[in-house]
């Protein structure tokens, strides 16, 4: 009776908080990479060293779309994790690169942090 109650509580916790079964950060290998078509814009301020004049510029950066495979610290595939598609990043990585992915905010959506 107590065992069934514990199993029931564990099922409820896993259903409400699926991130408890996945580490917060993992190593991954870039399996595929392409430009996402997204353009990120941000404001920059540059100061001319000679005149001291400060000017505002808008920097446009392309985004990249990746699929990654979770690996161990030695770069070996961890078969219990599927390939994770659709990760968008402003940073450019080549297929085969090892990166770190994090799962933020209690979600199972990966973000590349480097």
PDB file of N, CA and C in Angstrom:
ATOM      1  N   UNK A   1       0.820  -1.185   0.000  1.00  0.00           N
ATOM      2  CA  UNK A   1       0.000   0.000   0.000  1.00  0.00           C
ATOM      3  C   UNK A   1       0.872   1.261   0.000  1.00  0.00           C
ATOM      4  N   UNK A   2       1.870   1.312   0.859  1.00  0.00           N
ATOM      5  CA  UNK A   2       2.783   2.447   0.906  1.00  0.00           C
ATOM      6  C   UNK A   2       3.605   2.507  -0.377  1.00  0.00           C
ATOM      7  N   UNK A   3       4.017   1.334  -0.880  1.00  0.00           N
ATOM      8  CA  UNK A   3       4.791   1.295  -2.131  1.00  0.00           C
ATOM      9  C   UNK A   3       4.003   1.902  -3.286  1.00  0.00           C
ATOM     10  N   UNK A   4       2.720   1.562  -3.376  1.00  0.00           N
ATOM     11  CA  UNK A   4       1.889   2.096  -4.463  1.00  0.00           C
ATOM     12  C   UNK A   4       1.712   3.605  -4.310  1.00  0.00           C
ATOM     13  N   UNK A   5       1.568   4.094  -3.090  1.00  0.00           N
ATOM     14  CA  UNK A   5       1.451   5.531  -2.835  1.00  0.00           C
ATOM     15  C   UNK A   5       2.722   6.245  -3.277  1.00  0.00           C
ATOM     16  N   UNK A   6       3.884   5.692  -2.959  1.00  0.00           N
ATOM     17  CA  UNK A   6       5.163   6.286  -3.359  1.00  0.00           C
ATOM     18  C   UNK A   6       5.285   6.302  -4.880  1.00  0.00           C
ATOM     19  N   UNK A   7       4.955   5.187  -5.540  1.00  0.00           N
ATOM     20  CA  UNK A   7       5.007   5.145  -7.015  1.00  0.00           C
ATOM     21  C   UNK A   7       4.075   6.180  -7.629  1.00  0.00           C
ATOM     22  N   UNK A   8       2.905   6.337  -7.049  1.00  0.00           N
ATOM     23  CA  UNK A   8       1.941   7.321  -7.549  1.00  0.00           C
ATOM     24  C   UNK A   8       2.487   8.741  -7.412  1.00  0.00           C
ATOM     25  N   UNK A   9       3.090   9.032  -6.272  1.00  0.00           N
ATOM     26  CA  UNK A   9       3.677  10.368  -6.057  1.00  0.00           C
ATOM     27  C   UNK A   9       4.815  10.610  -7.038  1.00  0.00           C
ATOM     28  N   UNK A  10       5.664   9.612  -7.254  1.00  0.00           N
ATOM     29  CA  UNK A  10       6.778   9.743  -8.204  1.00  0.00           C
ATOM     30  C   UNK A  10       6.244   9.998  -9.609  1.00  0.00           C
ATOM     31  N   UNK A  11       5.197   9.285 -10.026  1.00  0.00           N
ATOM     32  CA  UNK A  11       4.605   9.516 -11.360  1.00  0.00           C
ATOM     33  C   UNK A  11       4.089  10.947 -11.487  1.00  0.00           C
ATOM     34  N   UNK A  12       3.416  11.432 -10.442  1.00  0.00           N
ATOM     35  CA  UNK A  12       2.884  12.799 -10.464  1.00  0.00           C
ATOM     36  C   UNK A  12       4.000  13.834 -10.557  1.00  0.00           C
ATOM     37  N   UNK A  13       5.066  13.639  -9.781  1.00  0.00           N
ATOM     38  CA  UNK A  13       6.196  14.577  -9.809  1.00  0.00           C
ATOM     39  C   UNK A  13       6.843  14.561 -11.181  1.00  0.00           C
ATOM     40  N   UNK A  14       7.070  13.388 -11.769  1.00  0.00           N
ATOM     41  CA  UNK A  14       7.681  13.288 -13.100  1.00  0.00           C
ATOM     42  C   UNK A  14       6.795  13.936 -14.158  1.00  0.00           C
ATOM     43  N   UNK A  15       5.477  13.803 -14.029  1.00  0.00           N
ATOM     44  CA  UNK A  15       4.557  14.411 -14.999  1.00  0.00           C
ATOM     45  C   UNK A  15       4.585  15.934 -14.901  1.00  0.00           C
ATOM     46  N   UNK A  16       4.657  16.456 -13.675  1.00  0.00           N
ATOM     47  CA  UNK A  16       4.638  17.908 -13.495  1.00  0.00           C
ATOM     48  C   UNK A  16       5.999  18.552 -13.691  1.00  0.00           C
ATOM     49  N   UNK A  17       7.074  17.831 -13.392  1.00  0.00           N
ATOM     50  CA  UNK A  17       8.434  18.353 -13.485  1.00  0.00           C
ATOM     51  C   UNK A  17       9.318  17.403 -14.297  1.00  0.00           C
ATOM     52  N   UNK A  18       9.101  17.320 -15.614  1.00  0.00           N
ATOM     53  CA  UNK A  18       9.872  16.354 -16.429  1.00  0.00           C
ATOM     54  C   UNK A  18      11.372  16.632 -16.419  1.00  0.00           C
ATOM     55  N   UNK A  19      11.792  17.850 -16.087  1.00  0.00           N
ATOM     56  CA  UNK A  19      13.210  18.190 -16.092  1.00  0.00           C
ATOM     57  C   UNK A  19      14.003  17.482 -14.997  1.00  0.00           C
ATOM     58  N   UNK A  20      13.341  16.876 -14.018  1.00  0.00           N
ATOM     59  CA  UNK A  20      14.098  16.209 -12.955  1.00  0.00           C
ATOM     60  C   UNK A  20      14.823  14.973 -13.461  1.00  0.00           C
ATOM     61  N   UNK A  21      14.400  14.434 -14.596  1.00  0.00           N
ATOM     62  CA  UNK A  21      15.056  13.249 -15.145  1.00  0.00           C
ATOM     63  C   UNK A  21      16.188  13.588 -16.101  1.00  0.00           C
ATOM     64  N   UNK A  22      16.348  14.862 -16.440  1.00  0.00           N
ATOM     65  CA  UNK A  22      17.381  15.289 -17.382  1.00  0.00           C
ATOM     66  C   UNK A  22      18.310  16.257 -16.657  1.00  0.00           C
ATOM     67  N   UNK A  23      19.634  16.043 -16.738  1.00  0.00           N
ATOM     68  CA  UNK A  23      20.555  16.994 -16.118  1.00  0.00           C
ATOM     69  C   UNK A  23      20.351  18.401 -16.682  1.00  0.00           C
ATOM     70  N   UNK A  24      20.684  19.415 -15.888  1.00  0.00           N
ATOM     71  CA  UNK A  24      20.514  20.800 -16.314  1.00  0.00           C
ATOM     72  C   UNK A  24      21.410  21.199 -17.471  1.00  0.00           C
ATOM     73  N   UNK A  25      22.587  20.555 -17.591  1.00  0.00           N
ATOM     74  CA  UNK A  25      23.529  20.852 -18.671  1.00  0.00           C
ATOM     75  C   UNK A  25      24.175  19.551 -19.125  1.00  0.00           C
ATOM     76  N   UNK A  26      24.396  19.441 -20.441  1.00  0.00           N
ATOM     77  CA  UNK A  26      24.997  18.235 -21.000  1.00  0.00           C
ATOM     78  C   UNK A  26      25.902  18.610 -22.164  1.00  0.00           C
ATOM     79  N   UNK A  27      26.855  17.742 -22.448  1.00  0.00           N
ATOM     80  CA  UNK A  27      27.684  17.911 -23.640  1.00  0.00           C
ATOM     81  C   UNK A  27      26.918  17.339 -24.831  1.00  0.00           C
ATOM     82  N   UNK A  28      27.144  17.949 -25.983  1.00  0.00           N
ATOM     83  CA  UNK A  28      26.468  17.478 -27.193  1.00  0.00           C
ATOM     84  C   UNK A  28      27.361  17.705 -28.399  1.00  0.00           C
ATOM     85  N   UNK A  29      27.166  16.876 -29.409  1.00  0.00           N
ATOM     86  CA  UNK A  29      27.882  17.028 -30.670  1.00  0.00           C
ATOM     87  C   UNK A  29      26.915  17.617 -31.692  1.00  0.00           C
ATOM     88  N   UNK A  30      27.395  18.616 -32.427  1.00  0.00           N
ATOM     89  CA  UNK A  30      26.593  19.201 -33.497  1.00  0.00           C
ATOM     90  C   UNK A  30      26.475  18.171 -34.616  1.00  0.00           C
ATOM     91  N   UNK A  31      25.248  17.765 -34.930  1.00  0.00           N
ATOM     92  CA  UNK A  31      25.016  16.778 -35.983  1.00  0.00           C
ATOM     93  C   UNK A  31      24.747  17.467 -37.327  1.00  0.00           C
ATOM     94  N   UNK A  32      23.993  18.557 -37.276  1.00  0.00           N
ATOM     95  CA  UNK A  32      23.725  19.305 -38.503  1.00  0.00           C
ATOM     96  C   UNK A  32      23.633  20.781 -38.166  1.00  0.00           C
ATOM     97  N   UNK A  33      23.972  21.601 -39.151  1.00  0.00           N
ATOM     98  CA  UNK A  33      23.972  23.047 -38.956  1.00  0.00           C
ATOM     99  C   UNK A  33      23.562  23.722 -40.255  1.00  0.00           C
ATOM    100  N   UNK A  34      22.757  24.759 -40.123  1.00  0.00           N
ATOM    101  CA  UNK A  34      22.394  25.578 -41.282  1.00  0.00           C
ATOM    102  C   UNK A  34      21.951  26.947 -40.786  1.00  0.00           C
ATOM    103  N   UNK A  35      21.951  27.907 -41.681  1.00  0.00           N
ATOM    104  CA  UNK A  35      21.465  29.240 -41.331  1.00  0.00           C
ATOM    105  C   UNK A  35      19.961  29.145 -41.106  1.00  0.00           C
ATOM    106  N   UNK A  36      19.501  29.809 -40.069  1.00  0.00           N
ATOM    107  CA  UNK A  36      18.077  29.714 -39.720  1.00  0.00           C
ATOM    108  C   UNK A  36      17.204  30.665 -40.524  1.00  0.00           C
ATOM    109  N   UNK A  37      17.821  31.667 -41.124  1.00  0.00           N
ATOM    110  CA  UNK A  37      17.029  32.672 -41.832  1.00  0.00           C
ATOM    111  C   UNK A  37      16.617  33.820 -40.926  1.00  0.00           C
ATOM    112  N   UNK A  38      16.835  33.667 -39.629  1.00  0.00           N
ATOM    113  CA  UNK A  38      16.520  34.732 -38.679  1.00  0.00           C
ATOM    114  C   UNK A  38      17.662  35.734 -38.625  1.00  0.00           C
ATOM    115  N   UNK A  39      17.323  36.987 -38.517  1.00  0.00           N
ATOM    116  CA  UNK A  39      18.310  38.052 -38.354  1.00  0.00           C
ATOM    117  C   UNK A  39      18.073  38.679 -36.984  1.00  0.00           C
ATOM    118  N   UNK A  40      19.116  38.715 -36.188  1.00  0.00           N
ATOM    119  CA  UNK A  40      19.043  39.346 -34.878  1.00  0.00           C
ATOM    120  C   UNK A  40      19.655  40.733 -34.986  1.00  0.00           C
ATOM    121  N   UNK A  41      18.983  41.707 -34.415  1.00  0.00           N
ATOM    122  CA  UNK A  41      19.476  43.079 -34.443  1.00  0.00           C
ATOM    123  C   UNK A  41      19.718  43.546 -33.014  1.00  0.00           C
ATOM    124  N   UNK A  42      20.813  44.299 -32.854  1.00  0.00           N
ATOM    125  CA  UNK A  42      21.071  44.931 -31.570  1.00  0.00           C
ATOM    126  C   UNK A  42      21.781  46.254 -31.795  1.00  0.00           C
ATOM    127  N   UNK A  43      21.590  47.156 -30.854  1.00  0.00           N
ATOM    128  CA  UNK A  43      22.205  48.472 -30.943  1.00  0.00           C
ATOM    129  C   UNK A  43      23.606  48.424 -30.380  1.00  0.00           C
ATOM    130  N   UNK A  44      24.496  49.178 -31.027  1.00  0.00           N
ATOM    131  CA  UNK A  44      25.877  49.317 -30.560  1.00  0.00           C
ATOM    132  C   UNK A  44      26.221  50.797 -30.564  1.00  0.00           C
ATOM    133  N   UNK A  45      27.103  51.175 -29.676  1.00  0.00           N
ATOM    134  CA  UNK A  45      27.613  52.536 -29.647  1.00  0.00           C
ATOM    135  C   UNK A  45      29.120  52.465 -29.841  1.00  0.00           C
ATOM    136  N   UNK A  46      29.635  53.203 -30.808  1.00  0.00           N
ATOM    137  CA  UNK A  46      31.063  53.249 -31.074  1.00  0.00           C
ATOM    138  C   UNK A  46      31.544  54.683 -30.870  1.00  0.00           C
ATOM    139  N   UNK A  47      32.719  54.792 -30.258  1.00  0.00           N
ATOM    140  CA  UNK A  47      33.285  56.110 -29.993  1.00  0.00           C
ATOM    141  C   UNK A  47      34.556  56.278 -30.807  1.00  0.00           C
ATOM    142  N   UNK A  48      34.638  57.371 -31.561  1.00  0.00           N
ATOM    143  CA  UNK A  48      35.835  57.691 -32.325  1.00  0.00           C
ATOM    144  C   UNK A  48      36.919  58.117 -31.333  1.00  0.00           C
ATOM    145  N   UNK A  49      38.068  57.439 -31.355  1.00  0.00           N
ATOM    146  CA  UNK A  49      39.138  57.729 -30.393  1.00  0.00           C
ATOM    147  C   UNK A  49      39.712  59.129 -30.559  1.00  0.00           C
ATOM    148  N   UNK A  50      39.752  59.618 -31.793  1.00  0.00           N
ATOM    149  CA  UNK A  50      40.360  60.928 -32.014  1.00  0.00           C
ATOM    150  C   UNK A  50      39.428  62.069 -31.641  1.00  0.00           C
ATOM    151  N   UNK A  51      38.174  61.964 -32.013  1.00  0.00           N
ATOM    152  CA  UNK A  51      37.253  63.078 -31.772  1.00  0.00           C
ATOM    153  C   UNK A  51      36.413  62.896 -30.514  1.00  0.00           C
ATOM    154  N   UNK A  52      36.308  61.657 -30.028  1.00  0.00           N
ATOM    155  CA  UNK A  52      35.461  61.389 -28.869  1.00  0.00           C
ATOM    156  C   UNK A  52      33.985  61.319 -29.220  1.00  0.00           C
ATOM    157  N   UNK A  53      33.687  61.442 -30.516  1.00  0.00           N
ATOM    158  CA  UNK A  53      32.286  61.407 -30.951  1.00  0.00           C
ATOM    159  C   UNK A  53      31.742  59.984 -30.832  1.00  0.00           C
ATOM    160  N   UNK A  54      30.582  59.884 -30.209  1.00  0.00           N
ATOM    161  CA  UNK A  54      29.929  58.588 -30.031  1.00  0.00           C
ATOM    162  C   UNK A  54      28.784  58.490 -31.044  1.00  0.00           C
ATOM    163  N   UNK A  55      28.730  57.350 -31.739  1.00  0.00           N
ATOM    164  CA  UNK A  55      27.673  57.136 -32.729  1.00  0.00           C
ATOM    165  C   UNK A  55      26.983  55.820 -32.441  1.00  0.00           C
ATOM    166  N   UNK A  56      25.704  55.793 -32.747  1.00  0.00           N
ATOM    167  CA  UNK A  56      24.907  54.581 -32.548  1.00  0.00           C
ATOM    168  C   UNK A  56      24.804  53.828 -33.865  1.00  0.00           C
ATOM    169  N   UNK A  57      24.971  52.512 -33.799  1.00  0.00           N
ATOM    170  CA  UNK A  57      24.868  51.646 -34.968  1.00  0.00           C
ATOM    171  C   UNK A  57      23.944  50.485 -34.638  1.00  0.00           C
ATOM    172  N   UNK A  58      23.435  49.875 -35.675  1.00  0.00           N
ATOM    173  CA  UNK A  58      22.631  48.672 -35.501  1.00  0.00           C
ATOM    174  C   UNK A  58      23.402  47.509 -36.103  1.00  0.00           C
ATOM    175  N   UNK A  59      23.652  46.485 -35.314  1.00  0.00           N
ATOM    176  CA  UNK A  59      24.374  45.307 -35.752  1.00  0.00           C
ATOM    177  C   UNK A  59      23.361  44.219 -36.087  1.00  0.00           C
ATOM    178  N   UNK A  60      23.505  43.638 -37.275  1.00  0.00           N
ATOM    179  CA  UNK A  60      22.647  42.530 -37.683  1.00  0.00           C
ATOM    180  C   UNK A  60      23.468  41.252 -37.706  1.00  0.00           C
ATOM    181  N   UNK A  61      22.947  40.215 -37.058  1.00  0.00           N
ATOM    182  CA  UNK A  61      23.620  38.926 -37.008  1.00  0.00           C
ATOM    183  C   UNK A  61      22.666  37.848 -37.505  1.00  0.00           C
ATOM    184  N   UNK A  62      23.225  36.866 -38.217  1.00  0.00           N
ATOM    185  CA  UNK A  62      22.419  35.742 -38.660  1.00  0.00           C
ATOM    186  C   UNK A  62      22.276  34.742 -37.531  1.00  0.00           C
ATOM    187  N   UNK A  63      21.186  33.998 -37.560  1.00  0.00           N
ATOM    188  CA  UNK A  63      20.995  32.916 -36.607  1.00  0.00           C
ATOM    189  C   UNK A  63      21.285  31.587 -37.289  1.00  0.00           C
ATOM    190  N   UNK A  64      21.558  30.569 -36.499  1.00  0.00           N
ATOM    191  CA  UNK A  64      21.867  29.244 -37.014  1.00  0.00           C
ATOM    192  C   UNK A  64      20.956  28.219 -36.348  1.00  0.00           C
ATOM    193  N   UNK A  65      20.624  27.189 -37.088  1.00  0.00           N
ATOM    194  CA  UNK A  65      19.736  26.139 -36.615  1.00  0.00           C
ATOM    195  C   UNK A  65      20.523  24.840 -36.534  1.00  0.00           C
ATOM    196  N   UNK A  66      20.469  24.190 -35.382  1.00  0.00           N
ATOM    197  CA  UNK A  66      21.287  23.000 -35.139  1.00  0.00           C
ATOM    198  C   UNK A  66      20.452  21.801 -34.692  1.00  0.00           C
ATOM    199  N   UNK A  67      20.990  20.621 -34.977  1.00  0.00           N
ATOM    200  CA  UNK A  67      20.556  19.375 -34.365  1.00  0.00           C
ATOM    201  C   UNK A  67      21.767  18.860 -33.612  1.00  0.00           C
ATOM    202  N   UNK A  68      21.548  18.392 -32.384  1.00  0.00           N
ATOM    203  CA  UNK A  68      22.660  17.912 -31.573  1.00  0.00           C
ATOM    204  C   UNK A  68      22.365  16.526 -31.028  1.00  0.00           C
ATOM    205  N   UNK A  69      23.419  15.797 -30.734  1.00  0.00           N
ATOM    206  CA  UNK A  69      23.343  14.473 -30.113  1.00  0.00           C
ATOM    207  C   UNK A  69      24.066  14.555 -28.781  1.00  0.00           C
ATOM    208  N   UNK A  70      23.415  14.148 -27.717  1.00  0.00           N
ATOM    209  CA  UNK A  70      24.017  14.174 -26.386  1.00  0.00           C
ATOM    210  C   UNK A  70      25.137  13.140 -26.325  1.00  0.00           C
ATOM    211  N   UNK A  71      26.288  13.558 -25.777  1.00  0.00           N
ATOM    212  CA  UNK A  71      27.460  12.684 -25.663  1.00  0.00           C
ATOM    213  C   UNK A  71      28.000  12.748 -24.234  1.00  0.00           C
ATOM    214  N   UNK A  72      28.865  11.781 -23.900  1.00  0.00           N
ATOM    215  CA  UNK A  72      29.514  11.827 -22.593  1.00  0.00           C
ATOM    216  C   UNK A  72      30.740  12.732 -22.666  1.00  0.00           C
ATOM    217  N   UNK A  73      31.476  12.848 -21.580  1.00  0.00           N
ATOM    218  CA  UNK A  73      32.633  13.749 -21.537  1.00  0.00           C
ATOM    219  C   UNK A  73      33.741  13.346 -22.492  1.00  0.00           C
ATOM    220  N   UNK A  74      33.739  12.097 -22.962  1.00  0.00           N
ATOM    221  CA  UNK A  74      34.745  11.629 -23.919  1.00  0.00           C
ATOM    222  C   UNK A  74      34.270  11.750 -25.363  1.00  0.00           C
ATOM    223  N   UNK A  75      33.039  12.221 -25.569  1.00  0.00           N
ATOM    224  CA  UNK A  75      32.504  12.387 -26.916  1.00  0.00           C
ATOM    225  C   UNK A  75      31.769  11.172 -27.459  1.00  0.00           C
ATOM    226  N   UNK A  76      31.516  10.166 -26.604  1.00  0.00           N
ATOM    227  CA  UNK A  76      30.791   8.969 -27.028  1.00  0.00           C
ATOM    228  C   UNK A  76      29.287   9.209 -26.956  1.00  0.00           C
ATOM    229  N   UNK A  77      28.550   8.751 -27.993  1.00  0.00           N
ATOM    230  CA  UNK A  77      27.092   8.905 -28.017  1.00  0.00           C
ATOM    231  C   UNK A  77      26.459   8.282 -26.785  1.00  0.00           C
ATOM    232  N   UNK A  78      25.452   8.956 -26.253  1.00  0.00           N
ATOM    233  CA  UNK A  78      24.632   8.393 -25.183  1.00  0.00           C
ATOM    234  C   UNK A  78      23.298   8.015 -25.820  1.00  0.00           C
ATOM    235  N   UNK A  79      23.128   6.737 -26.101  1.00  0.00           N
ATOM    236  CA  UNK A  79      21.973   6.258 -26.857  1.00  0.00           C
ATOM    237  C   UNK A  79      20.632   6.479 -26.176  1.00  0.00           C
ATOM    238  N   UNK A  80      20.631   6.716 -24.876  1.00  0.00           N
ATOM    239  CA  UNK A  80      19.346   6.898 -24.199  1.00  0.00           C
ATOM    240  C   UNK A  80      18.713   8.254 -24.505  1.00  0.00           C
ATOM    241  N   UNK A  81      19.485   9.154 -25.149  1.00  0.00           N
ATOM    242  CA  UNK A  81      18.959  10.462 -25.532  1.00  0.00           C
ATOM    243  C   UNK A  81      18.844  10.538 -27.050  1.00  0.00           C
ATOM    244  N   UNK A  82      17.708  10.993 -27.562  1.00  0.00           N
ATOM    245  CA  UNK A  82      17.560  11.134 -29.013  1.00  0.00           C
ATOM    246  C   UNK A  82      18.284  12.379 -29.524  1.00  0.00           C
ATOM    247  N   UNK A  83      18.427  12.490 -30.830  1.00  0.00           N
ATOM    248  CA  UNK A  83      18.945  13.719 -31.435  1.00  0.00           C
ATOM    249  C   UNK A  83      17.947  14.827 -31.130  1.00  0.00           C
ATOM    250  N   UNK A  84      18.459  15.975 -30.724  1.00  0.00           N
ATOM    251  CA  UNK A  84      17.607  17.122 -30.401  1.00  0.00           C
ATOM    252  C   UNK A  84      17.672  18.102 -31.573  1.00  0.00           C
ATOM    253  N   UNK A  85      16.564  18.262 -32.306  1.00  0.00           N
ATOM    254  CA  UNK A  85      16.558  19.177 -33.455  1.00  0.00           C
ATOM    255  C   UNK A  85      16.085  20.579 -33.062  1.00  0.00           C
ATOM    256  N   UNK A  86      16.277  21.523 -33.974  1.00  0.00           N
ATOM    257  CA  UNK A  86      15.663  22.838 -33.855  1.00  0.00           C
ATOM    258  C   UNK A  86      16.229  23.771 -32.814  1.00  0.00           C
ATOM    259  N   UNK A  87      17.512  23.649 -32.509  1.00  0.00           N
ATOM    260  CA  UNK A  87      18.130  24.559 -31.542  1.00  0.00           C
ATOM    261  C   UNK A  87      18.664  25.768 -32.298  1.00  0.00           C
ATOM    262  N   UNK A  88      18.189  26.945 -31.943  1.00  0.00           N
ATOM    263  CA  UNK A  88      18.613  28.184 -32.614  1.00  0.00           C
ATOM    264  C   UNK A  88      19.680  28.866 -31.772  1.00  0.00           C
ATOM    265  N   UNK A  89      20.714  29.350 -32.438  1.00  0.00           N
ATOM    266  CA  UNK A  89      21.803  30.047 -31.750  1.00  0.00           C
ATOM    267  C   UNK A  89      22.328  31.162 -32.646  1.00  0.00           C
ATOM    268  N   UNK A  90      22.870  32.191 -32.027  1.00  0.00           N
ATOM    269  CA  UNK A  90      23.535  33.254 -32.787  1.00  0.00           C
ATOM    270  C   UNK A  90      24.967  32.871 -33.123  1.00  0.00           C
ATOM    271  N   UNK A  91      25.509  31.887 -32.417  1.00  0.00           N
ATOM    272  CA  UNK A  91      26.893  31.467 -32.626  1.00  0.00           C
ATOM    273  C   UNK A  91      26.956  30.403 -33.712  1.00  0.00           C
ATOM    274  N   UNK A  92      28.037  30.431 -34.483  1.00  0.00           N
ATOM    275  CA  UNK A  92      28.214  29.471 -35.578  1.00  0.00           C
ATOM    276  C   UNK A  92      29.142  28.344 -35.146  1.00  0.00           C
ATOM    277  N   UNK A  93      28.683  27.114 -35.314  1.00  0.00           N
ATOM    278  CA  UNK A  93      29.467  25.919 -35.007  1.00  0.00           C
ATOM    279  C   UNK A  93      29.439  24.990 -36.216  1.00  0.00           C
ATOM    280  N   UNK A  94      30.499  24.242 -36.400  1.00  0.00           N
ATOM    281  CA  UNK A  94      30.596  23.275 -37.482  1.00  0.00           C
ATOM    282  C   UNK A  94      30.065  21.919 -37.008  1.00  0.00           C
ATOM    283  N   UNK A  95      29.482  21.121 -37.927  1.00  0.00           N
ATOM    284  CA  UNK A  95      29.105  19.758 -37.549  1.00  0.00           C
ATOM    285  C   UNK A  95      30.326  19.014 -36.999  1.00  0.00           C
ATOM    286  N   UNK A  96      30.109  18.258 -35.941  1.00  0.00           N
ATOM    287  CA  UNK A  96      31.193  17.549 -35.276  1.00  0.00           C
ATOM    288  C   UNK A  96      31.731  18.293 -34.068  1.00  0.00           C
ATOM    289  N   UNK A  97      31.421  19.575 -33.942  1.00  0.00           N
ATOM    290  CA  UNK A  97      31.866  20.358 -32.783  1.00  0.00           C
ATOM    291  C   UNK A  97      31.160  19.866 -31.528  1.00  0.00           C
ATOM    292  N   UNK A  98      31.877  19.919 -30.411  1.00  0.00           N
ATOM    293  CA  UNK A  98      31.287  19.583 -29.116  1.00  0.00           C
ATOM    294  C   UNK A  98      30.891  20.887 -28.432  1.00  0.00           C
ATOM    295  N   UNK A  99      29.654  20.953 -27.976  1.00  0.00           N
ATOM    296  CA  UNK A  99      29.123  22.142 -27.310  1.00  0.00           C
ATOM    297  C   UNK A  99      28.471  21.718 -25.999  1.00  0.00           C
ATOM    298  N   UNK A 100      28.089  22.692 -25.215  1.00  0.00           N
ATOM    299  CA  UNK A 100      27.320  22.437 -24.000  1.00  0.00           C
ATOM    300  C   UNK A 100      25.918  22.956 -24.221  1.00  0.00           C
ATOM    301  N   UNK A 101      24.938  22.129 -23.910  1.00  0.00           N
ATOM    302  CA  UNK A 101      23.545  22.553 -23.999  1.00  0.00           C
ATOM    303  C   UNK A 101      22.964  22.573 -22.588  1.00  0.00           C
ATOM    304  N   UNK A 102      22.079  23.521 -22.346  1.00  0.00           N
ATOM    305  CA  UNK A 102      21.401  23.609 -21.056  1.00  0.00           C
ATOM    306  C   UNK A 102      19.903  23.574 -21.288  1.00  0.00           C
ATOM    307  N   UNK A 103      19.216  23.135 -20.272  1.00  0.00           N
ATOM    308  CA  UNK A 103      17.761  23.088 -20.291  1.00  0.00           C
ATOM    309  C   UNK A 103      17.291  24.046 -19.212  1.00  0.00           C
ATOM    310  N   UNK A 104      16.867  25.239 -19.627  1.00  0.00           N
ATOM    311  CA  UNK A 104      16.582  26.312 -18.676  1.00  0.00           C
ATOM    312  C   UNK A 104      15.105  26.396 -18.332  1.00  0.00           C
ATOM    313  N   UNK A 105      14.834  26.996 -17.211  1.00  0.00           N
ATOM    314  CA  UNK A 105      13.467  27.303 -16.820  1.00  0.00           C
ATOM    315  C   UNK A 105      12.578  26.096 -16.601  1.00  0.00           C
ATOM    316  N   UNK A 106      13.167  24.953 -16.288  1.00  0.00           N
ATOM    317  CA  UNK A 106      12.349  23.774 -16.067  1.00  0.00           C
ATOM    318  C   UNK A 106      11.748  23.205 -17.330  1.00  0.00           C
ATOM    319  N   UNK A 107      12.249  23.631 -18.469  1.00  0.00           N
ATOM    320  CA  UNK A 107      11.740  23.138 -19.746  1.00  0.00           C
ATOM    321  C   UNK A 107      12.686  22.099 -20.306  1.00  0.00           C
ATOM    322  N   UNK A 108      12.208  21.334 -21.242  1.00  0.00           N
ATOM    323  CA  UNK A 108      13.050  20.353 -21.908  1.00  0.00           C
ATOM    324  C   UNK A 108      13.501  20.872 -23.263  1.00  0.00           C
ATOM    325  N   UNK A 109      13.540  22.196 -23.415  1.00  0.00           N
ATOM    326  CA  UNK A 109      14.017  22.833 -24.636  1.00  0.00           C
ATOM    327  C   UNK A 109      15.486  23.190 -24.432  1.00  0.00           C
ATOM    328  N   UNK A 110      16.342  22.718 -25.336  1.00  0.00           N
ATOM    329  CA  UNK A 110      17.776  22.930 -25.177  1.00  0.00           C
ATOM    330  C   UNK A 110      18.212  24.272 -25.744  1.00  0.00           C
ATOM    331  N   UNK A 111      19.243  24.842 -25.127  1.00  0.00           N
ATOM    332  CA  UNK A 111      19.882  26.060 -25.579  1.00  0.00           C
ATOM    333  C   UNK A 111      21.388  25.821 -25.579  1.00  0.00           C
ATOM    334  N   UNK A 112      22.071  26.195 -26.655  1.00  0.00           N
ATOM    335  CA  UNK A 112      23.533  26.042 -26.716  1.00  0.00           C
ATOM    336  C   UNK A 112      24.151  27.231 -25.991  1.00  0.00           C
ATOM    337  N   UNK A 113      25.061  26.924 -25.050  1.00  0.00           N
ATOM    338  CA  UNK A 113      25.726  27.998 -24.303  1.00  0.00           C
ATOM    339  C   UNK A 113      27.206  28.076 -24.599  1.00  0.00           C
ATOM    340  N   UNK A 114      27.704  27.218 -25.434  1.00  0.00           N
ATOM    341  CA  UNK A 114      29.117  27.301 -25.808  1.00  0.00           C
ATOM    342  C   UNK A 114      29.746  25.972 -26.004  1.00  0.00           C
TER     343      UNK A 114
END
